[in-house]
Amino acid sequence: MTDKEKRRQKRHTKIRAKLSGTAERPRISVYRSNQHTYVQVIDDENQKTLCAIGTMSSSIKEVVGKEEWKTKTVDAARAVGAALGATMMEKGIKTAVFDRGGFVYHGRVKAVAEACREAGVEL
């Protein structure tokens, strides 16, 4: 693990010590790699992933495009957040806790959160 990744892991550990997802208010966990953005909705009490989506899923690739470089854009992250928000509303989840995963709340991470809010999820 690089020094940069170790620092991110340390920040993520501190964040996770303070927030946890429940059945009524699950945790939205974001991970961004160099190429893709992944998001999960997690109930930490029952240790269940309620739903997950990322830029590798076919529904997002239809919206964003099939080219490799298009999955690492803010627009792709916005599409992931909108799809996640729609899925959460279908499942009846209206509120959630946002876990930025040790990443700075900026760019793709921020785009996911704002798109979820626009879809009707209260963060």
PDB file of N, CA and C in Angstrom:
ATOM      1  N   MET A   1       0.835  -1.174   0.000  1.00  0.00           N
ATOM      2  CA  MET A   1       0.000   0.000   0.000  1.00  0.00           C
ATOM      3  C   MET A   1       0.890   1.251   0.000  1.00  0.00           C
ATOM      4  N   THR A   2       0.528   2.209  -0.804  1.00  0.00           N
ATOM      5  CA  THR A   2       1.307   3.435  -0.865  1.00  0.00           C
ATOM      6  C   THR A   2       1.019   4.308   0.351  1.00  0.00           C
ATOM      7  N   ASP A   3       1.858   5.312   0.564  1.00  0.00           N
ATOM      8  CA  ASP A   3       1.649   6.223   1.685  1.00  0.00           C
ATOM      9  C   ASP A   3       0.321   6.963   1.546  1.00  0.00           C
ATOM     10  N   LYS A   4      -0.012   7.321   0.324  1.00  0.00           N
ATOM     11  CA  LYS A   4      -1.270   8.036   0.073  1.00  0.00           C
ATOM     12  C   LYS A   4      -2.473   7.162   0.457  1.00  0.00           C
ATOM     13  N   GLU A   5      -2.419   5.890   0.084  1.00  0.00           N
ATOM     14  CA  GLU A   5      -3.508   4.961   0.419  1.00  0.00           C
ATOM     15  C   GLU A   5      -3.567   4.706   1.924  1.00  0.00           C
ATOM     16  N   LYS A   6      -2.431   4.643   2.584  1.00  0.00           N
ATOM     17  CA  LYS A   6      -2.414   4.465   4.040  1.00  0.00           C
ATOM     18  C   LYS A   6      -3.070   5.641   4.745  1.00  0.00           C
ATOM     19  N   ARG A   7      -2.788   6.856   4.272  1.00  0.00           N
ATOM     20  CA  ARG A   7      -3.416   8.045   4.874  1.00  0.00           C
ATOM     21  C   ARG A   7      -4.919   8.038   4.658  1.00  0.00           C
ATOM     22  N   ARG A   8      -5.376   7.613   3.460  1.00  0.00           N
ATOM     23  CA  ARG A   8      -6.809   7.540   3.189  1.00  0.00           C
ATOM     24  C   ARG A   8      -7.468   6.495   4.092  1.00  0.00           C
ATOM     25  N   GLN A   9      -6.821   5.351   4.251  1.00  0.00           N
ATOM     26  CA  GLN A   9      -7.350   4.299   5.127  1.00  0.00           C
ATOM     27  C   GLN A   9      -7.466   4.794   6.566  1.00  0.00           C
ATOM     28  N   LYS A  10      -6.484   5.568   7.013  1.00  0.00           N
ATOM     29  CA  LYS A  10      -6.512   6.114   8.368  1.00  0.00           C
ATOM     30  C   LYS A  10      -7.682   7.088   8.535  1.00  0.00           C
ATOM     31  N   ARG A  11      -7.885   7.964   7.544  1.00  0.00           N
ATOM     32  CA  ARG A  11      -9.027   8.878   7.581  1.00  0.00           C
ATOM     33  C   ARG A  11     -10.333   8.113   7.572  1.00  0.00           C
ATOM     34  N   HIS A  12     -10.413   7.060   6.762  1.00  0.00           N
ATOM     35  CA  HIS A  12     -11.628   6.259   6.679  1.00  0.00           C
ATOM     36  C   HIS A  12     -11.929   5.575   8.009  1.00  0.00           C
ATOM     37  N   THR A  13     -10.904   5.087   8.691  1.00  0.00           N
ATOM     38  CA  THR A  13     -11.080   4.454   9.997  1.00  0.00           C
ATOM     39  C   THR A  13     -11.649   5.444  11.009  1.00  0.00           C
ATOM     40  N   LYS A  14     -11.145   6.679  10.980  1.00  0.00           N
ATOM     41  CA  LYS A  14     -11.653   7.706  11.890  1.00  0.00           C
ATOM     42  C   LYS A  14     -13.115   8.036  11.592  1.00  0.00           C
ATOM     43  N   ILE A  15     -13.450   8.112  10.323  1.00  0.00           N
ATOM     44  CA  ILE A  15     -14.828   8.403   9.930  1.00  0.00           C
ATOM     45  C   ILE A  15     -15.755   7.271  10.368  1.00  0.00           C
ATOM     46  N   ARG A  16     -15.338   6.027  10.144  1.00  0.00           N
ATOM     47  CA  ARG A  16     -16.172   4.866  10.475  1.00  0.00           C
ATOM     48  C   ARG A  16     -16.372   4.707  11.974  1.00  0.00           C
ATOM     49  N   ALA A  17     -15.453   5.241  12.776  1.00  0.00           N
ATOM     50  CA  ALA A  17     -15.614   5.173  14.225  1.00  0.00           C
ATOM     51  C   ALA A  17     -16.789   6.045  14.667  1.00  0.00           C
ATOM     52  N   LYS A  18     -17.106   7.062  13.871  1.00  0.00           N
ATOM     53  CA  LYS A  18     -18.152   8.010  14.257  1.00  0.00           C
ATOM     54  C   LYS A  18     -19.504   7.721  13.634  1.00  0.00           C
ATOM     55  N   LEU A  19     -19.559   7.060  12.467  1.00  0.00           N
ATOM     56  CA  LEU A  19     -20.868   6.822  11.864  1.00  0.00           C
ATOM     57  C   LEU A  19     -21.085   5.373  11.518  1.00  0.00           C
ATOM     58  N   SER A  20     -22.360   5.001  11.601  1.00  0.00           N
ATOM     59  CA  SER A  20     -22.761   3.634  11.353  1.00  0.00           C
ATOM     60  C   SER A  20     -24.156   3.637  10.752  1.00  0.00           C
ATOM     61  N   GLY A  21     -24.434   2.674   9.901  1.00  0.00           N
ATOM     62  CA  GLY A  21     -25.738   2.592   9.267  1.00  0.00           C
ATOM     63  C   GLY A  21     -26.675   1.678  10.023  1.00  0.00           C
ATOM     64  N   THR A  22     -27.955   2.023  10.023  1.00  0.00           N
ATOM     65  CA  THR A  22     -28.985   1.198  10.639  1.00  0.00           C
ATOM     66  C   THR A  22     -29.983   0.784   9.558  1.00  0.00           C
ATOM     67  N   ALA A  23     -30.970  -0.011   9.935  1.00  0.00           N
ATOM     68  CA  ALA A  23     -31.981  -0.424   8.966  1.00  0.00           C
ATOM     69  C   ALA A  23     -32.816   0.773   8.515  1.00  0.00           C
ATOM     70  N   GLU A  24     -33.101   1.694   9.451  1.00  0.00           N
ATOM     71  CA  GLU A  24     -33.903   2.868   9.112  1.00  0.00           C
ATOM     72  C   GLU A  24     -33.078   3.911   8.360  1.00  0.00           C
ATOM     73  N   ARG A  25     -31.799   4.031   8.701  1.00  0.00           N
ATOM     74  CA  ARG A  25     -30.918   5.027   8.103  1.00  0.00           C
ATOM     75  C   ARG A  25     -29.576   4.369   7.747  1.00  0.00           C
ATOM     76  N   PRO A  26     -29.519   3.699   6.588  1.00  0.00           N
ATOM     77  CA  PRO A  26     -28.292   2.982   6.216  1.00  0.00           C
ATOM     78  C   PRO A  26     -27.163   3.932   5.822  1.00  0.00           C
ATOM     79  N   ARG A  27     -25.995   3.359   5.655  1.00  0.00           N
ATOM     80  CA  ARG A  27     -24.794   4.123   5.304  1.00  0.00           C
ATOM     81  C   ARG A  27     -24.537   3.999   3.811  1.00  0.00           C
ATOM     82  N   ILE A  28     -24.316   5.139   3.156  1.00  0.00           N
ATOM     83  CA  ILE A  28     -23.936   5.149   1.748  1.00  0.00           C
ATOM     84  C   ILE A  28     -22.422   5.264   1.704  1.00  0.00           C
ATOM     85  N   SER A  29     -21.764   4.214   1.254  1.00  0.00           N
ATOM     86  CA  SER A  29     -20.310   4.164   1.206  1.00  0.00           C
ATOM     87  C   SER A  29     -19.833   4.361  -0.224  1.00  0.00           C
ATOM     88  N   VAL A  30     -18.911   5.305  -0.409  1.00  0.00           N
ATOM     89  CA  VAL A  30     -18.389   5.626  -1.739  1.00  0.00           C
ATOM     90  C   VAL A  30     -16.929   5.200  -1.821  1.00  0.00           C
ATOM     91  N   TYR A  31     -16.564   4.578  -2.928  1.00  0.00           N
ATOM     92  CA  TYR A  31     -15.164   4.280  -3.217  1.00  0.00           C
ATOM     93  C   TYR A  31     -14.887   4.728  -4.644  1.00  0.00           C
ATOM     94  N   ARG A  32     -13.812   5.442  -4.821  1.00  0.00           N
ATOM     95  CA  ARG A  32     -13.433   5.838  -6.174  1.00  0.00           C
ATOM     96  C   ARG A  32     -12.027   5.344  -6.461  1.00  0.00           C
ATOM     97  N   SER A  33     -11.914   4.612  -7.536  1.00  0.00           N
ATOM     98  CA  SER A  33     -10.599   4.197  -8.004  1.00  0.00           C
ATOM     99  C   SER A  33     -10.173   5.175  -9.089  1.00  0.00           C
ATOM    100  N   ASN A  34      -9.036   4.943  -9.704  1.00  0.00           N
ATOM    101  CA  ASN A  34      -8.606   5.822 -10.784  1.00  0.00           C
ATOM    102  C   ASN A  34      -9.574   5.776 -11.957  1.00  0.00           C
ATOM    103  N   GLN A  35     -10.198   4.635 -12.169  1.00  0.00           N
ATOM    104  CA  GLN A  35     -11.028   4.442 -13.347  1.00  0.00           C
ATOM    105  C   GLN A  35     -12.526   4.474 -13.052  1.00  0.00           C
ATOM    106  N   HIS A  36     -12.961   3.988 -11.893  1.00  0.00           N
ATOM    107  CA  HIS A  36     -14.385   3.799 -11.633  1.00  0.00           C
ATOM    108  C   HIS A  36     -14.806   4.400 -10.293  1.00  0.00           C
ATOM    109  N   THR A  37     -16.128   4.515 -10.121  1.00  0.00           N
ATOM    110  CA  THR A  37     -16.733   4.969  -8.877  1.00  0.00           C
ATOM    111  C   THR A  37     -17.735   3.902  -8.445  1.00  0.00           C
ATOM    112  N   TYR A  38     -17.652   3.456  -7.197  1.00  0.00           N
ATOM    113  CA  TYR A  38     -18.535   2.417  -6.678  1.00  0.00           C
ATOM    114  C   TYR A  38     -19.267   2.951  -5.451  1.00  0.00           C
ATOM    115  N   VAL A  39     -20.547   2.594  -5.309  1.00  0.00           N
ATOM    116  CA  VAL A  39     -21.341   3.058  -4.185  1.00  0.00           C
ATOM    117  C   VAL A  39     -22.155   1.886  -3.642  1.00  0.00           C
ATOM    118  N   GLN A  40     -22.205   1.776  -2.311  1.00  0.00           N
ATOM    119  CA  GLN A  40     -23.006   0.740  -1.651  1.00  0.00           C
ATOM    120  C   GLN A  40     -23.888   1.376  -0.594  1.00  0.00           C
ATOM    121  N   VAL A  41     -25.054   0.791  -0.376  1.00  0.00           N
ATOM    122  CA  VAL A  41     -25.930   1.179   0.724  1.00  0.00           C
ATOM    123  C   VAL A  41     -25.885   0.027   1.714  1.00  0.00           C
ATOM    124  N   ILE A  42     -25.409   0.308   2.939  1.00  0.00           N
ATOM    125  CA  ILE A  42     -25.099  -0.760   3.891  1.00  0.00           C
ATOM    126  C   ILE A  42     -25.859  -0.569   5.193  1.00  0.00           C
ATOM    127  N   ASP A  43     -26.443  -1.654   5.692  1.00  0.00           N
ATOM    128  CA  ASP A  43     -27.030  -1.707   7.027  1.00  0.00           C
ATOM    129  C   ASP A  43     -25.996  -2.375   7.924  1.00  0.00           C
ATOM    130  N   ASP A  44     -25.298  -1.581   8.740  1.00  0.00           N
ATOM    131  CA  ASP A  44     -24.196  -2.107   9.555  1.00  0.00           C
ATOM    132  C   ASP A  44     -24.683  -2.964  10.718  1.00  0.00           C
ATOM    133  N   GLU A  45     -25.877  -2.698  11.235  1.00  0.00           N
ATOM    134  CA  GLU A  45     -26.381  -3.492  12.362  1.00  0.00           C
ATOM    135  C   GLU A  45     -26.588  -4.946  11.955  1.00  0.00           C
ATOM    136  N   ASN A  46     -27.165  -5.171  10.776  1.00  0.00           N
ATOM    137  CA  ASN A  46     -27.428  -6.529  10.298  1.00  0.00           C
ATOM    138  C   ASN A  46     -26.359  -7.026   9.331  1.00  0.00           C
ATOM    139  N   GLN A  47     -25.345  -6.208   9.088  1.00  0.00           N
ATOM    140  CA  GLN A  47     -24.241  -6.535   8.192  1.00  0.00           C
ATOM    141  C   GLN A  47     -24.741  -6.982   6.817  1.00  0.00           C
ATOM    142  N   LYS A  48     -25.613  -6.146   6.222  1.00  0.00           N
ATOM    143  CA  LYS A  48     -26.197  -6.436   4.911  1.00  0.00           C
ATOM    144  C   LYS A  48     -25.952  -5.272   3.962  1.00  0.00           C
ATOM    145  N   THR A  49     -25.629  -5.586   2.733  1.00  0.00           N
ATOM    146  CA  THR A  49     -25.574  -4.584   1.681  1.00  0.00           C
ATOM    147  C   THR A  49     -26.949  -4.551   1.033  1.00  0.00           C
ATOM    148  N   LEU A  50     -27.626  -3.418   1.136  1.00  0.00           N
ATOM    149  CA  LEU A  50     -28.989  -3.303   0.628  1.00  0.00           C
ATOM    150  C   LEU A  50     -29.018  -3.113  -0.879  1.00  0.00           C
ATOM    151  N   CYS A  51     -28.109  -2.326  -1.410  1.00  0.00           N
ATOM    152  CA  CYS A  51     -27.964  -2.196  -2.856  1.00  0.00           C
ATOM    153  C   CYS A  51     -26.585  -1.628  -3.166  1.00  0.00           C
ATOM    154  N   ALA A  52     -26.139  -1.867  -4.365  1.00  0.00           N
ATOM    155  CA  ALA A  52     -24.820  -1.391  -4.791  1.00  0.00           C
ATOM    156  C   ALA A  52     -24.862  -1.094  -6.282  1.00  0.00           C
ATOM    157  N   ILE A  53     -24.102  -0.092  -6.676  1.00  0.00           N
ATOM    158  CA  ILE A  53     -24.025   0.276  -8.094  1.00  0.00           C
ATOM    159  C   ILE A  53     -22.685   0.956  -8.334  1.00  0.00           C
ATOM    160  N   GLY A  54     -22.214   0.873  -9.543  1.00  0.00           N
ATOM    161  CA  GLY A  54     -20.957   1.512  -9.897  1.00  0.00           C
ATOM    162  C   GLY A  54     -20.910   1.818 -11.377  1.00  0.00           C
ATOM    163  N   THR A  55     -19.831   2.419 -11.796  1.00  0.00           N
ATOM    164  CA  THR A  55     -19.711   2.778 -13.204  1.00  0.00           C
ATOM    165  C   THR A  55     -19.464   1.563 -14.096  1.00  0.00           C
ATOM    166  N   MET A  56     -19.228   0.411 -13.515  1.00  0.00           N
ATOM    167  CA  MET A  56     -19.047  -0.798 -14.320  1.00  0.00           C
ATOM    168  C   MET A  56     -20.374  -1.451 -14.675  1.00  0.00           C
ATOM    169  N   SER A  57     -21.462  -1.073 -14.012  1.00  0.00           N
ATOM    170  CA  SER A  57     -22.751  -1.703 -14.290  1.00  0.00           C
ATOM    171  C   SER A  57     -23.266  -1.279 -15.663  1.00  0.00           C
ATOM    172  N   SER A  58     -23.996  -2.172 -16.295  1.00  0.00           N
ATOM    173  CA  SER A  58     -24.443  -1.933 -17.667  1.00  0.00           C
ATOM    174  C   SER A  58     -25.430  -0.769 -17.760  1.00  0.00           C
ATOM    175  N   SER A  59     -26.250  -0.577 -16.729  1.00  0.00           N
ATOM    176  CA  SER A  59     -27.218   0.523 -16.773  1.00  0.00           C
ATOM    177  C   SER A  59     -26.526   1.885 -16.772  1.00  0.00           C
ATOM    178  N   ILE A  60     -25.412   2.007 -16.085  1.00  0.00           N
ATOM    179  CA  ILE A  60     -24.659   3.264 -16.060  1.00  0.00           C
ATOM    180  C   ILE A  60     -23.899   3.447 -17.371  1.00  0.00           C
ATOM    181  N   LYS A  61     -23.338   2.365 -17.902  1.00  0.00           N
ATOM    182  CA  LYS A  61     -22.599   2.468 -19.161  1.00  0.00           C
ATOM    183  C   LYS A  61     -23.513   2.879 -20.311  1.00  0.00           C
ATOM    184  N   GLU A  62     -24.804   2.507 -20.244  1.00  0.00           N
ATOM    185  CA  GLU A  62     -25.745   2.942 -21.274  1.00  0.00           C
ATOM    186  C   GLU A  62     -25.931   4.455 -21.229  1.00  0.00           C
ATOM    187  N   VAL A  63     -25.947   5.025 -20.023  1.00  0.00           N
ATOM    188  CA  VAL A  63     -26.141   6.466 -19.865  1.00  0.00           C
ATOM    189  C   VAL A  63     -24.864   7.230 -20.198  1.00  0.00           C
ATOM    190  N   VAL A  64     -23.739   6.777 -19.659  1.00  0.00           N
ATOM    191  CA  VAL A  64     -22.476   7.506 -19.764  1.00  0.00           C
ATOM    192  C   VAL A  64     -21.792   7.261 -21.106  1.00  0.00           C
ATOM    193  N   GLY A  65     -21.746   6.025 -21.529  1.00  0.00           N
ATOM    194  CA  GLY A  65     -21.043   5.660 -22.750  1.00  0.00           C
ATOM    195  C   GLY A  65     -20.117   4.487 -22.475  1.00  0.00           C
ATOM    196  N   LYS A  66     -19.767   3.779 -23.519  1.00  0.00           N
ATOM    197  CA  LYS A  66     -18.964   2.574 -23.357  1.00  0.00           C
ATOM    198  C   LYS A  66     -17.462   2.837 -23.377  1.00  0.00           C
ATOM    199  N   GLU A  67     -17.036   4.032 -23.786  1.00  0.00           N
ATOM    200  CA  GLU A  67     -15.611   4.321 -23.840  1.00  0.00           C
ATOM    201  C   GLU A  67     -15.010   4.279 -22.437  1.00  0.00           C
ATOM    202  N   GLU A  68     -13.777   3.809 -22.354  1.00  0.00           N
ATOM    203  CA  GLU A  68     -13.126   3.605 -21.056  1.00  0.00           C
ATOM    204  C   GLU A  68     -12.937   4.902 -20.277  1.00  0.00           C
ATOM    205  N   TRP A  69     -12.604   5.988 -20.935  1.00  0.00           N
ATOM    206  CA  TRP A  69     -12.305   7.242 -20.238  1.00  0.00           C
ATOM    207  C   TRP A  69     -13.542   7.910 -19.661  1.00  0.00           C
ATOM    208  N   LYS A  70     -14.728   7.542 -20.141  1.00  0.00           N
ATOM    209  CA  LYS A  70     -15.944   8.216 -19.679  1.00  0.00           C
ATOM    210  C   LYS A  70     -16.374   7.775 -18.282  1.00  0.00           C
ATOM    211  N   THR A  71     -15.861   6.653 -17.784  1.00  0.00           N
ATOM    212  CA  THR A  71     -16.275   6.167 -16.470  1.00  0.00           C
ATOM    213  C   THR A  71     -15.600   6.907 -15.328  1.00  0.00           C
ATOM    214  N   LYS A  72     -14.555   7.688 -15.608  1.00  0.00           N
ATOM    215  CA  LYS A  72     -13.862   8.384 -14.528  1.00  0.00           C
ATOM    216  C   LYS A  72     -14.204   9.856 -14.450  1.00  0.00           C
ATOM    217  N   THR A  73     -15.322  10.256 -15.032  1.00  0.00           N
ATOM    218  CA  THR A  73     -15.722  11.657 -15.033  1.00  0.00           C
ATOM    219  C   THR A  73     -16.718  11.956 -13.923  1.00  0.00           C
ATOM    220  N   VAL A  74     -16.881  13.233 -13.644  1.00  0.00           N
ATOM    221  CA  VAL A  74     -17.862  13.670 -12.651  1.00  0.00           C
ATOM    222  C   VAL A  74     -19.273  13.374 -13.148  1.00  0.00           C
ATOM    223  N   ASP A  75     -19.495  13.461 -14.456  1.00  0.00           N
ATOM    224  CA  ASP A  75     -20.812  13.144 -15.020  1.00  0.00           C
ATOM    225  C   ASP A  75     -21.169  11.681 -14.779  1.00  0.00           C
ATOM    226  N   ALA A  76     -20.199  10.791 -14.876  1.00  0.00           N
ATOM    227  CA  ALA A  76     -20.441   9.376 -14.608  1.00  0.00           C
ATOM    228  C   ALA A  76     -20.799   9.174 -13.140  1.00  0.00           C
ATOM    229  N   ALA A  77     -20.093   9.861 -12.251  1.00  0.00           N
ATOM    230  CA  ALA A  77     -20.395   9.757 -10.818  1.00  0.00           C
ATOM    231  C   ALA A  77     -21.785  10.309 -10.527  1.00  0.00           C
ATOM    232  N   ARG A  78     -22.168  11.377 -11.216  1.00  0.00           N
ATOM    233  CA  ARG A  78     -23.504  11.949 -11.047  1.00  0.00           C
ATOM    234  C   ARG A  78     -24.578  10.945 -11.489  1.00  0.00           C
ATOM    235  N   ALA A  79     -24.309  10.224 -12.576  1.00  0.00           N
ATOM    236  CA  ALA A  79     -25.239   9.195 -13.052  1.00  0.00           C
ATOM    237  C   ALA A  79     -25.354   8.058 -12.043  1.00  0.00           C
ATOM    238  N   VAL A  80     -24.231   7.683 -11.420  1.00  0.00           N
ATOM    239  CA  VAL A  80     -24.244   6.636 -10.389  1.00  0.00           C
ATOM    240  C   VAL A  80     -25.095   7.087  -9.199  1.00  0.00           C
ATOM    241  N   GLY A  81     -24.917   8.338  -8.754  1.00  0.00           N
ATOM    242  CA  GLY A  81     -25.687   8.863  -7.629  1.00  0.00           C
ATOM    243  C   GLY A  81     -27.171   8.925  -7.924  1.00  0.00           C
ATOM    244  N   ALA A  82     -27.532   9.328  -9.138  1.00  0.00           N
ATOM    245  CA  ALA A  82     -28.944   9.402  -9.517  1.00  0.00           C
ATOM    246  C   ALA A  82     -29.573   8.009  -9.555  1.00  0.00           C
ATOM    247  N   ALA A  83     -28.836   7.038 -10.113  1.00  0.00           N
ATOM    248  CA  ALA A  83     -29.340   5.665 -10.170  1.00  0.00           C
ATOM    249  C   ALA A  83     -29.468   5.077  -8.769  1.00  0.00           C
ATOM    250  N   LEU A  84     -28.506   5.385  -7.908  1.00  0.00           N
ATOM    251  CA  LEU A  84     -28.571   4.898  -6.528  1.00  0.00           C
ATOM    252  C   LEU A  84     -29.767   5.504  -5.808  1.00  0.00           C
ATOM    253  N   GLY A  85     -29.975   6.814  -5.977  1.00  0.00           N
ATOM    254  CA  GLY A  85     -31.116   7.475  -5.349  1.00  0.00           C
ATOM    255  C   GLY A  85     -32.435   6.889  -5.804  1.00  0.00           C
ATOM    256  N   ALA A  86     -32.558   6.599  -7.100  1.00  0.00           N
ATOM    257  CA  ALA A  86     -33.784   5.994  -7.625  1.00  0.00           C
ATOM    258  C   ALA A  86     -34.006   4.602  -7.039  1.00  0.00           C
ATOM    259  N   THR A  87     -32.931   3.822  -6.941  1.00  0.00           N
ATOM    260  CA  THR A  87     -33.025   2.475  -6.367  1.00  0.00           C
ATOM    261  C   THR A  87     -33.435   2.535  -4.895  1.00  0.00           C
ATOM    262  N   MET A  88     -32.861   3.494  -4.164  1.00  0.00           N
ATOM    263  CA  MET A  88     -33.196   3.634  -2.748  1.00  0.00           C
ATOM    264  C   MET A  88     -34.648   4.044  -2.553  1.00  0.00           C
ATOM    265  N   MET A  89     -35.141   4.928  -3.393  1.00  0.00           N
ATOM    266  CA  MET A  89     -36.540   5.346  -3.285  1.00  0.00           C
ATOM    267  C   MET A  89     -37.483   4.188  -3.597  1.00  0.00           C
ATOM    268  N   GLU A  90     -37.111   3.337  -4.557  1.00  0.00           N
ATOM    269  CA  GLU A  90     -37.908   2.145  -4.866  1.00  0.00           C
ATOM    270  C   GLU A  90     -37.989   1.212  -3.670  1.00  0.00           C
ATOM    271  N   LYS A  91     -36.879   1.089  -2.938  1.00  0.00           N
ATOM    272  CA  LYS A  91     -36.832   0.200  -1.772  1.00  0.00           C
ATOM    273  C   LYS A  91     -37.404   0.850  -0.527  1.00  0.00           C
ATOM    274  N   GLY A  92     -37.811   2.114  -0.614  1.00  0.00           N
ATOM    275  CA  GLY A  92     -38.425   2.797   0.522  1.00  0.00           C
ATOM    276  C   GLY A  92     -37.428   3.410   1.495  1.00  0.00           C
ATOM    277  N   ILE A  93     -36.198   3.601   1.076  1.00  0.00           N
ATOM    278  CA  ILE A  93     -35.179   4.210   1.933  1.00  0.00           C
ATOM    279  C   ILE A  93     -35.140   5.697   1.614  1.00  0.00           C
ATOM    280  N   LYS A  94     -35.539   6.520   2.579  1.00  0.00           N
ATOM    281  CA  LYS A  94     -35.619   7.955   2.339  1.00  0.00           C
ATOM    282  C   LYS A  94     -34.491   8.749   2.995  1.00  0.00           C
ATOM    283  N   THR A  95     -33.858   8.195   4.026  1.00  0.00           N
ATOM    284  CA  THR A  95     -32.753   8.878   4.697  1.00  0.00           C
ATOM    285  C   THR A  95     -31.547   7.944   4.761  1.00  0.00           C
ATOM    286  N   ALA A  96     -30.371   8.538   4.801  1.00  0.00           N
ATOM    287  CA  ALA A  96     -29.140   7.754   4.865  1.00  0.00           C
ATOM    288  C   ALA A  96     -28.028   8.602   5.454  1.00  0.00           C
ATOM    289  N   VAL A  97     -26.949   7.928   5.839  1.00  0.00           N
ATOM    290  CA  VAL A  97     -25.736   8.572   6.331  1.00  0.00           C
ATOM    291  C   VAL A  97     -24.703   8.452   5.226  1.00  0.00           C
ATOM    292  N   PHE A  98     -24.011   9.539   4.907  1.00  0.00           N
ATOM    293  CA  PHE A  98     -23.040   9.523   3.809  1.00  0.00           C
ATOM    294  C   PHE A  98     -21.635   9.276   4.346  1.00  0.00           C
ATOM    295  N   ASP A  99     -20.989   8.246   3.833  1.00  0.00           N
ATOM    296  CA  ASP A  99     -19.618   7.884   4.200  1.00  0.00           C
ATOM    297  C   ASP A  99     -18.730   8.133   2.987  1.00  0.00           C
ATOM    298  N   ARG A 100     -17.882   9.152   3.069  1.00  0.00           N
ATOM    299  CA  ARG A 100     -17.051   9.517   1.929  1.00  0.00           C
ATOM    300  C   ARG A 100     -15.830   8.621   1.788  1.00  0.00           C
ATOM    301  N   GLY A 101     -15.618   7.706   2.698  1.00  0.00           N
ATOM    302  CA  GLY A 101     -14.566   6.705   2.570  1.00  0.00           C
ATOM    303  C   GLY A 101     -13.155   7.225   2.696  1.00  0.00           C
ATOM    304  N   GLY A 102     -12.977   8.354   3.365  1.00  0.00           N
ATOM    305  CA  GLY A 102     -11.647   8.914   3.520  1.00  0.00           C
ATOM    306  C   GLY A 102     -11.238   9.812   2.363  1.00  0.00           C
ATOM    307  N   PHE A 103     -12.089   9.906   1.354  1.00  0.00           N
ATOM    308  CA  PHE A 103     -11.806  10.777   0.219  1.00  0.00           C
ATOM    309  C   PHE A 103     -12.278  12.188   0.540  1.00  0.00           C
ATOM    310  N   VAL A 104     -11.693  13.172  -0.121  1.00  0.00           N
ATOM    311  CA  VAL A 104     -12.100  14.561   0.045  1.00  0.00           C
ATOM    312  C   VAL A 104     -13.497  14.721  -0.554  1.00  0.00           C
ATOM    313  N   TYR A 105     -14.366  15.481   0.129  1.00  0.00           N
ATOM    314  CA  TYR A 105     -15.719  15.728  -0.376  1.00  0.00           C
ATOM    315  C   TYR A 105     -15.623  16.756  -1.498  1.00  0.00           C
ATOM    316  N   HIS A 106     -15.289  16.256  -2.680  1.00  0.00           N
ATOM    317  CA  HIS A 106     -14.999  17.118  -3.816  1.00  0.00           C
ATOM    318  C   HIS A 106     -15.057  16.264  -5.076  1.00  0.00           C
ATOM    319  N   GLY A 107     -15.438  16.823  -6.185  1.00  0.00           N
ATOM    320  CA  GLY A 107     -15.400  16.108  -7.447  1.00  0.00           C
ATOM    321  C   GLY A 107     -16.396  14.980  -7.524  1.00  0.00           C
ATOM    322  N   ARG A 108     -15.904  13.764  -7.777  1.00  0.00           N
ATOM    323  CA  ARG A 108     -16.790  12.611  -7.975  1.00  0.00           C
ATOM    324  C   ARG A 108     -17.560  12.235  -6.723  1.00  0.00           C
ATOM    325  N   VAL A 109     -16.933  12.339  -5.551  1.00  0.00           N
ATOM    326  CA  VAL A 109     -17.603  11.999  -4.290  1.00  0.00           C
ATOM    327  C   VAL A 109     -18.756  12.966  -4.046  1.00  0.00           C
ATOM    328  N   LYS A 110     -18.511  14.236  -4.250  1.00  0.00           N
ATOM    329  CA  LYS A 110     -19.539  15.259  -4.078  1.00  0.00           C
ATOM    330  C   LYS A 110     -20.671  15.079  -5.099  1.00  0.00           C
ATOM    331  N   ALA A 111     -20.324  14.709  -6.327  1.00  0.00           N
ATOM    332  CA  ALA A 111     -21.323  14.511  -7.376  1.00  0.00           C
ATOM    333  C   ALA A 111     -22.277  13.369  -7.024  1.00  0.00           C
ATOM    334  N   VAL A 112     -21.753  12.301  -6.445  1.00  0.00           N
ATOM    335  CA  VAL A 112     -22.600  11.172  -6.023  1.00  0.00           C
ATOM    336  C   VAL A 112     -23.581  11.633  -4.954  1.00  0.00           C
ATOM    337  N   ALA A 113     -23.093  12.362  -3.953  1.00  0.00           N
ATOM    338  CA  ALA A 113     -23.940  12.820  -2.852  1.00  0.00           C
ATOM    339  C   ALA A 113     -25.028  13.774  -3.343  1.00  0.00           C
ATOM    340  N   GLU A 114     -24.659  14.720  -4.184  1.00  0.00           N
ATOM    341  CA  GLU A 114     -25.635  15.699  -4.663  1.00  0.00           C
ATOM    342  C   GLU A 114     -26.692  15.054  -5.556  1.00  0.00           C
ATOM    343  N   ALA A 115     -26.294  14.098  -6.392  1.00  0.00           N
ATOM    344  CA  ALA A 115     -27.257  13.404  -7.248  1.00  0.00           C
ATOM    345  C   ALA A 115     -28.222  12.569  -6.421  1.00  0.00           C
ATOM    346  N   CYS A 116     -27.730  11.979  -5.327  1.00  0.00           N
ATOM    347  CA  CYS A 116     -28.613  11.223  -4.418  1.00  0.00           C
ATOM    348  C   CYS A 116     -29.637  12.157  -3.783  1.00  0.00           C
ATOM    349  N   ARG A 117     -29.180  13.316  -3.354  1.00  0.00           N
ATOM    350  CA  ARG A 117     -30.091  14.301  -2.763  1.00  0.00           C
ATOM    351  C   ARG A 117     -31.154  14.742  -3.760  1.00  0.00           C
ATOM    352  N   GLU A 118     -30.741  14.978  -5.005  1.00  0.00           N
ATOM    353  CA  GLU A 118     -31.680  15.393  -6.034  1.00  0.00           C
ATOM    354  C   GLU A 118     -32.716  14.317  -6.326  1.00  0.00           C
ATOM    355  N   ALA A 119     -32.344  13.047  -6.138  1.00  0.00           N
ATOM    356  CA  ALA A 119     -33.275  11.942  -6.362  1.00  0.00           C
ATOM    357  C   ALA A 119     -34.274  11.800  -5.223  1.00  0.00           C
ATOM    358  N   GLY A 120     -34.068  12.533  -4.107  1.00  0.00           N
ATOM    359  CA  GLY A 120     -35.025  12.515  -3.020  1.00  0.00           C
ATOM    360  C   GLY A 120     -34.537  11.889  -1.733  1.00  0.00           C
ATOM    361  N   VAL A 121     -33.301  11.457  -1.680  1.00  0.00           N
ATOM    362  CA  VAL A 121     -32.753  10.851  -0.470  1.00  0.00           C
ATOM    363  C   VAL A 121     -32.198  11.955   0.416  1.00  0.00           C
ATOM    364  N   GLU A 122     -32.537  11.909   1.699  1.00  0.00           N
ATOM    365  CA  GLU A 122     -32.040  12.908   2.642  1.00  0.00           C
ATOM    366  C   GLU A 122     -30.736  12.404   3.256  1.00  0.00           C
ATOM    367  N   LEU A 123     -29.653  13.160   3.037  1.00  0.00           N
ATOM    368  CA  LEU A 123     -28.338  12.780   3.580  1.00  0.00           C
ATOM    369  C   LEU A 123     -27.958  13.704   4.705  1.00  0.00           C
TER     370      LEU A 123
END
